[in-house]
Amino acid sequence: MVYFFLAIAIALELVAATLLKASAGFTRLVPSIFSLVSYLCSVILFAKILEKMNLGVAYATWAGVGIVASAIISALIFKQGLTVAGVIGIILIVAGCVVLNLYGAAS
């Protein structure tokens, strides 16, 4: 169940980051407000997750999924490209996240 809540926290953070881009440097009020609220909700939920989950595993999952999803969002919504080196970097991050989730949590 903790991974379900982690997924929600990650989704909120991705919404916040996307709205941050749409806020044009906090010059547009509505996306700015919703971005800040989404970040706040995401961090509060993440703090609650850390009561039950290893910090390293939780943060690696948060960062790994966030990097992959934000790269996809930036390509689809904002039409921003990704280099071959960027794709290789993302693959390495995902691999590290998988290894940490499988073998990194101390009992």
N, C-alpha and C. Protein backbone atom coordinates (compact mmCIF):
# COMPACT_ATOMS: atom_id res chain seq x y z
N MET A 1 0.82 -1.19 0.00
CA MET A 1 0.00 0.00 0.00
C MET A 1 0.87 1.27 0.00
N VAL A 2 2.07 1.18 0.58
CA VAL A 2 2.95 2.34 0.65
C VAL A 2 3.39 2.78 -0.75
N TYR A 3 3.57 1.83 -1.67
CA TYR A 3 3.94 2.18 -3.04
C TYR A 3 2.80 2.89 -3.76
N PHE A 4 1.57 2.56 -3.42
CA PHE A 4 0.41 3.24 -3.99
C PHE A 4 0.44 4.72 -3.60
N PHE A 5 0.69 5.00 -2.32
CA PHE A 5 0.76 6.38 -1.86
C PHE A 5 1.99 7.11 -2.41
N LEU A 6 3.08 6.35 -2.60
CA LEU A 6 4.26 6.94 -3.22
C LEU A 6 3.94 7.34 -4.66
N ALA A 7 3.18 6.52 -5.37
CA ALA A 7 2.78 6.84 -6.74
C ALA A 7 1.94 8.11 -6.78
N ILE A 8 1.06 8.27 -5.81
CA ILE A 8 0.25 9.48 -5.75
C ILE A 8 1.14 10.70 -5.48
N ALA A 9 2.08 10.58 -4.56
CA ALA A 9 3.00 11.68 -4.26
C ALA A 9 3.82 12.06 -5.49
N ILE A 10 4.27 11.06 -6.23
CA ILE A 10 5.04 11.32 -7.45
C ILE A 10 4.16 12.01 -8.48
N ALA A 11 2.94 11.54 -8.63
CA ALA A 11 2.02 12.15 -9.60
C ALA A 11 1.76 13.62 -9.24
N LEU A 12 1.57 13.89 -7.95
CA LEU A 12 1.36 15.28 -7.52
C LEU A 12 2.58 16.14 -7.82
N GLU A 13 3.76 15.59 -7.62
CA GLU A 13 4.98 16.33 -7.91
C GLU A 13 5.12 16.59 -9.41
N LEU A 14 4.72 15.62 -10.23
CA LEU A 14 4.78 15.81 -11.68
C LEU A 14 3.77 16.86 -12.15
N VAL A 15 2.59 16.86 -11.56
CA VAL A 15 1.60 17.90 -11.86
C VAL A 15 2.18 19.26 -11.47
N ALA A 16 2.80 19.32 -10.29
CA ALA A 16 3.37 20.58 -9.81
C ALA A 16 4.48 21.08 -10.75
N ALA A 17 5.35 20.19 -11.18
CA ALA A 17 6.44 20.59 -12.07
C ALA A 17 5.91 21.06 -13.43
N THR A 18 4.91 20.36 -13.93
CA THR A 18 4.31 20.75 -15.21
C THR A 18 3.64 22.12 -15.09
N LEU A 19 2.93 22.33 -13.99
CA LEU A 19 2.30 23.63 -13.76
C LEU A 19 3.35 24.72 -13.52
N LEU A 20 4.48 24.34 -12.94
CA LEU A 20 5.56 25.30 -12.73
C LEU A 20 6.07 25.81 -14.08
N LYS A 21 6.22 24.90 -15.02
CA LYS A 21 6.62 25.29 -16.38
C LYS A 21 5.55 26.19 -16.99
N ALA A 22 4.28 25.84 -16.79
CA ALA A 22 3.18 26.62 -17.34
C ALA A 22 3.03 27.98 -16.65
N SER A 23 3.57 28.12 -15.46
CA SER A 23 3.43 29.38 -14.72
C SER A 23 4.32 30.49 -15.28
N ALA A 24 5.21 30.14 -16.18
CA ALA A 24 6.13 31.10 -16.82
C ALA A 24 6.89 31.91 -15.76
N GLY A 25 7.55 31.18 -14.88
CA GLY A 25 8.37 31.84 -13.85
C GLY A 25 7.53 32.57 -12.82
N PHE A 26 6.41 31.98 -12.46
CA PHE A 26 5.47 32.55 -11.48
C PHE A 26 4.87 33.88 -11.95
N THR A 27 4.76 34.07 -13.25
CA THR A 27 4.13 35.29 -13.76
C THR A 27 2.66 35.05 -14.10
N ARG A 28 2.22 33.81 -14.12
CA ARG A 28 0.81 33.48 -14.36
C ARG A 28 0.24 32.94 -13.05
N LEU A 29 -0.79 33.59 -12.55
CA LEU A 29 -1.29 33.34 -11.19
C LEU A 29 -1.86 31.94 -11.00
N VAL A 30 -2.79 31.51 -11.83
CA VAL A 30 -3.48 30.23 -11.60
C VAL A 30 -2.52 29.04 -11.63
N PRO A 31 -1.70 28.89 -12.67
CA PRO A 31 -0.76 27.75 -12.61
C PRO A 31 0.23 27.85 -11.46
N SER A 32 0.59 29.07 -11.09
CA SER A 32 1.53 29.25 -9.96
C SER A 32 0.91 28.74 -8.66
N ILE A 33 -0.33 29.12 -8.40
CA ILE A 33 -1.00 28.69 -7.17
C ILE A 33 -1.17 27.18 -7.15
N PHE A 34 -1.66 26.61 -8.25
CA PHE A 34 -1.87 25.16 -8.28
C PHE A 34 -0.55 24.39 -8.21
N SER A 35 0.51 24.96 -8.76
CA SER A 35 1.82 24.32 -8.66
C SER A 35 2.26 24.26 -7.20
N LEU A 36 2.17 25.38 -6.50
CA LEU A 36 2.58 25.42 -5.10
C LEU A 36 1.74 24.48 -4.23
N VAL A 37 0.44 24.45 -4.47
CA VAL A 37 -0.44 23.56 -3.70
C VAL A 37 -0.09 22.10 -3.99
N SER A 38 0.17 21.78 -5.25
CA SER A 38 0.53 20.40 -5.61
C SER A 38 1.85 19.99 -4.97
N TYR A 39 2.84 20.90 -4.98
CA TYR A 39 4.11 20.60 -4.32
C TYR A 39 3.91 20.37 -2.82
N LEU A 40 3.13 21.22 -2.19
CA LEU A 40 2.89 21.08 -0.75
C LEU A 40 2.23 19.73 -0.44
N CYS A 41 1.20 19.38 -1.18
CA CYS A 41 0.51 18.09 -0.95
C CYS A 41 1.46 16.91 -1.20
N SER A 42 2.27 17.03 -2.23
CA SER A 42 3.22 15.97 -2.56
C SER A 42 4.23 15.76 -1.44
N VAL A 43 4.78 16.84 -0.93
CA VAL A 43 5.80 16.74 0.12
C VAL A 43 5.19 16.23 1.43
N ILE A 44 3.99 16.68 1.75
CA ILE A 44 3.33 16.18 2.96
C ILE A 44 3.09 14.68 2.85
N LEU A 45 2.59 14.23 1.71
CA LEU A 45 2.36 12.81 1.51
C LEU A 45 3.67 12.03 1.56
N PHE A 46 4.72 12.57 0.96
CA PHE A 46 6.02 11.91 0.98
C PHE A 46 6.53 11.78 2.41
N ALA A 47 6.34 12.80 3.22
CA ALA A 47 6.75 12.74 4.63
C ALA A 47 6.03 11.62 5.37
N LYS A 48 4.74 11.45 5.08
CA LYS A 48 3.98 10.36 5.71
C LYS A 48 4.47 9.00 5.22
N ILE A 49 4.83 8.90 3.95
CA ILE A 49 5.35 7.65 3.39
C ILE A 49 6.64 7.25 4.11
N LEU A 50 7.47 8.24 4.44
CA LEU A 50 8.76 7.94 5.06
C LEU A 50 8.63 7.37 6.46
N GLU A 51 7.45 7.45 7.05
CA GLU A 51 7.23 6.79 8.34
C GLU A 51 7.25 5.27 8.18
N LYS A 52 6.97 4.77 6.99
CA LYS A 52 6.87 3.32 6.75
C LYS A 52 7.91 2.79 5.77
N MET A 53 8.64 3.69 5.11
CA MET A 53 9.52 3.25 4.02
C MET A 53 10.92 3.80 4.21
N ASN A 54 11.89 3.03 3.78
CA ASN A 54 13.30 3.41 3.80
C ASN A 54 13.50 4.67 2.94
N LEU A 55 14.17 5.68 3.47
CA LEU A 55 14.38 6.94 2.77
C LEU A 55 15.08 6.75 1.43
N GLY A 56 16.14 5.96 1.41
CA GLY A 56 16.89 5.77 0.18
C GLY A 56 16.05 5.14 -0.92
N VAL A 57 15.29 4.14 -0.57
CA VAL A 57 14.43 3.46 -1.54
C VAL A 57 13.32 4.39 -2.00
N ALA A 58 12.69 5.07 -1.05
CA ALA A 58 11.59 5.97 -1.39
C ALA A 58 12.07 7.10 -2.30
N TYR A 59 13.20 7.71 -1.95
CA TYR A 59 13.67 8.84 -2.74
C TYR A 59 14.19 8.41 -4.10
N ALA A 60 14.84 7.25 -4.17
CA ALA A 60 15.30 6.76 -5.46
C ALA A 60 14.12 6.47 -6.38
N THR A 61 13.07 5.90 -5.82
CA THR A 61 11.87 5.63 -6.62
C THR A 61 11.24 6.94 -7.06
N TRP A 62 11.10 7.87 -6.13
CA TRP A 62 10.55 9.21 -6.42
C TRP A 62 11.33 9.86 -7.57
N ALA A 63 12.65 9.89 -7.43
CA ALA A 63 13.49 10.56 -8.41
C ALA A 63 13.50 9.83 -9.75
N GLY A 64 13.63 8.50 -9.71
CA GLY A 64 13.68 7.73 -10.94
C GLY A 64 12.41 7.83 -11.76
N VAL A 65 11.29 7.61 -11.11
CA VAL A 65 10.00 7.71 -11.81
C VAL A 65 9.77 9.15 -12.26
N GLY A 66 10.12 10.10 -11.40
CA GLY A 66 9.94 11.51 -11.74
C GLY A 66 10.75 11.93 -12.96
N ILE A 67 11.98 11.45 -13.05
CA ILE A 67 12.84 11.80 -14.20
C ILE A 67 12.27 11.22 -15.49
N VAL A 68 11.89 9.97 -15.47
CA VAL A 68 11.35 9.35 -16.67
C VAL A 68 10.04 10.03 -17.08
N ALA A 69 9.14 10.20 -16.13
CA ALA A 69 7.84 10.80 -16.45
C ALA A 69 7.98 12.25 -16.89
N SER A 70 8.86 13.01 -16.25
CA SER A 70 9.02 14.41 -16.65
C SER A 70 9.65 14.53 -18.03
N ALA A 71 10.53 13.60 -18.38
CA ALA A 71 11.10 13.60 -19.73
C ALA A 71 10.00 13.32 -20.77
N ILE A 72 9.12 12.39 -20.45
CA ILE A 72 8.01 12.08 -21.36
C ILE A 72 7.06 13.26 -21.45
N ILE A 73 6.72 13.85 -20.31
CA ILE A 73 5.83 15.02 -20.29
C ILE A 73 6.43 16.17 -21.09
N SER A 74 7.73 16.42 -20.89
CA SER A 74 8.35 17.54 -21.61
C SER A 74 8.36 17.30 -23.11
N ALA A 75 8.50 16.05 -23.53
CA ALA A 75 8.48 15.74 -24.96
C ALA A 75 7.07 15.85 -25.54
N LEU A 76 6.09 15.33 -24.81
CA LEU A 76 4.72 15.31 -25.34
C LEU A 76 4.01 16.65 -25.24
N ILE A 77 4.13 17.31 -24.09
CA ILE A 77 3.37 18.55 -23.87
C ILE A 77 4.13 19.78 -24.36
N PHE A 78 5.41 19.85 -24.04
CA PHE A 78 6.18 21.05 -24.35
C PHE A 78 7.06 20.90 -25.59
N LYS A 79 6.99 19.75 -26.25
CA LYS A 79 7.73 19.49 -27.49
C LYS A 79 9.23 19.70 -27.34
N GLN A 80 9.75 19.29 -26.18
CA GLN A 80 11.18 19.40 -25.92
C GLN A 80 11.83 18.04 -26.18
N GLY A 81 12.92 18.04 -26.91
CA GLY A 81 13.57 16.81 -27.30
C GLY A 81 14.47 16.24 -26.23
N LEU A 82 14.97 15.04 -26.50
CA LEU A 82 15.89 14.36 -25.61
C LEU A 82 16.99 13.74 -26.45
N THR A 83 18.23 13.93 -26.04
CA THR A 83 19.36 13.39 -26.79
C THR A 83 19.55 11.90 -26.47
N VAL A 84 20.37 11.26 -27.27
CA VAL A 84 20.71 9.85 -27.01
C VAL A 84 21.39 9.73 -25.65
N ALA A 85 22.28 10.66 -25.34
CA ALA A 85 22.95 10.65 -24.03
C ALA A 85 21.92 10.80 -22.91
N GLY A 86 20.93 11.62 -23.12
CA GLY A 86 19.86 11.78 -22.12
C GLY A 86 19.09 10.49 -21.91
N VAL A 87 18.78 9.80 -23.00
CA VAL A 87 18.07 8.52 -22.89
C VAL A 87 18.92 7.49 -22.16
N ILE A 88 20.20 7.43 -22.48
CA ILE A 88 21.11 6.51 -21.79
C ILE A 88 21.16 6.83 -20.30
N GLY A 89 21.24 8.10 -19.97
CA GLY A 89 21.26 8.52 -18.56
C GLY A 89 20.00 8.10 -17.84
N ILE A 90 18.86 8.27 -18.49
CA ILE A 90 17.59 7.86 -17.88
C ILE A 90 17.54 6.35 -17.67
N ILE A 91 18.03 5.60 -18.63
CA ILE A 91 18.07 4.13 -18.48
C ILE A 91 18.94 3.74 -17.29
N LEU A 92 20.07 4.40 -17.12
CA LEU A 92 20.95 4.10 -15.98
C LEU A 92 20.28 4.46 -14.65
N ILE A 93 19.56 5.56 -14.63
CA ILE A 93 18.84 5.96 -13.41
C ILE A 93 17.77 4.94 -13.06
N VAL A 94 17.02 4.51 -14.06
CA VAL A 94 15.98 3.50 -13.83
C VAL A 94 16.60 2.19 -13.35
N ALA A 95 17.72 1.80 -13.94
CA ALA A 95 18.39 0.58 -13.51
C ALA A 95 18.83 0.70 -12.04
N GLY A 96 19.38 1.83 -11.67
CA GLY A 96 19.78 2.04 -10.29
C GLY A 96 18.59 2.01 -9.34
N CYS A 97 17.49 2.59 -9.76
CA CYS A 97 16.28 2.58 -8.94
C CYS A 97 15.78 1.16 -8.74
N VAL A 98 15.79 0.36 -9.79
CA VAL A 98 15.34 -1.03 -9.68
C VAL A 98 16.24 -1.81 -8.74
N VAL A 99 17.56 -1.67 -8.88
CA VAL A 99 18.50 -2.37 -8.01
C VAL A 99 18.29 -1.95 -6.55
N LEU A 100 18.13 -0.66 -6.32
CA LEU A 100 17.92 -0.19 -4.95
C LEU A 100 16.63 -0.73 -4.37
N ASN A 101 15.57 -0.79 -5.16
CA ASN A 101 14.31 -1.32 -4.67
C ASN A 101 14.39 -2.81 -4.38
N LEU A 102 15.16 -3.54 -5.18
CA LEU A 102 15.26 -4.98 -4.97
C LEU A 102 16.24 -5.36 -3.87
N TYR A 103 17.35 -4.63 -3.78
CA TYR A 103 18.42 -5.07 -2.89
C TYR A 103 18.92 -4.02 -1.90
N GLY A 104 18.41 -2.81 -1.94
CA GLY A 104 18.99 -1.73 -1.18
C GLY A 104 18.40 -1.50 0.21
N ALA A 105 17.26 -2.08 0.49
CA ALA A 105 16.61 -1.81 1.78
C ALA A 105 17.16 -2.76 2.84
N ALA A 106 17.70 -2.18 3.90
CA ALA A 106 18.17 -3.00 5.01
C ALA A 106 16.99 -3.47 5.84
N SER A 107 17.06 -4.67 6.34
CA SER A 107 15.96 -5.21 7.13
C SER A 107 15.94 -4.67 8.53
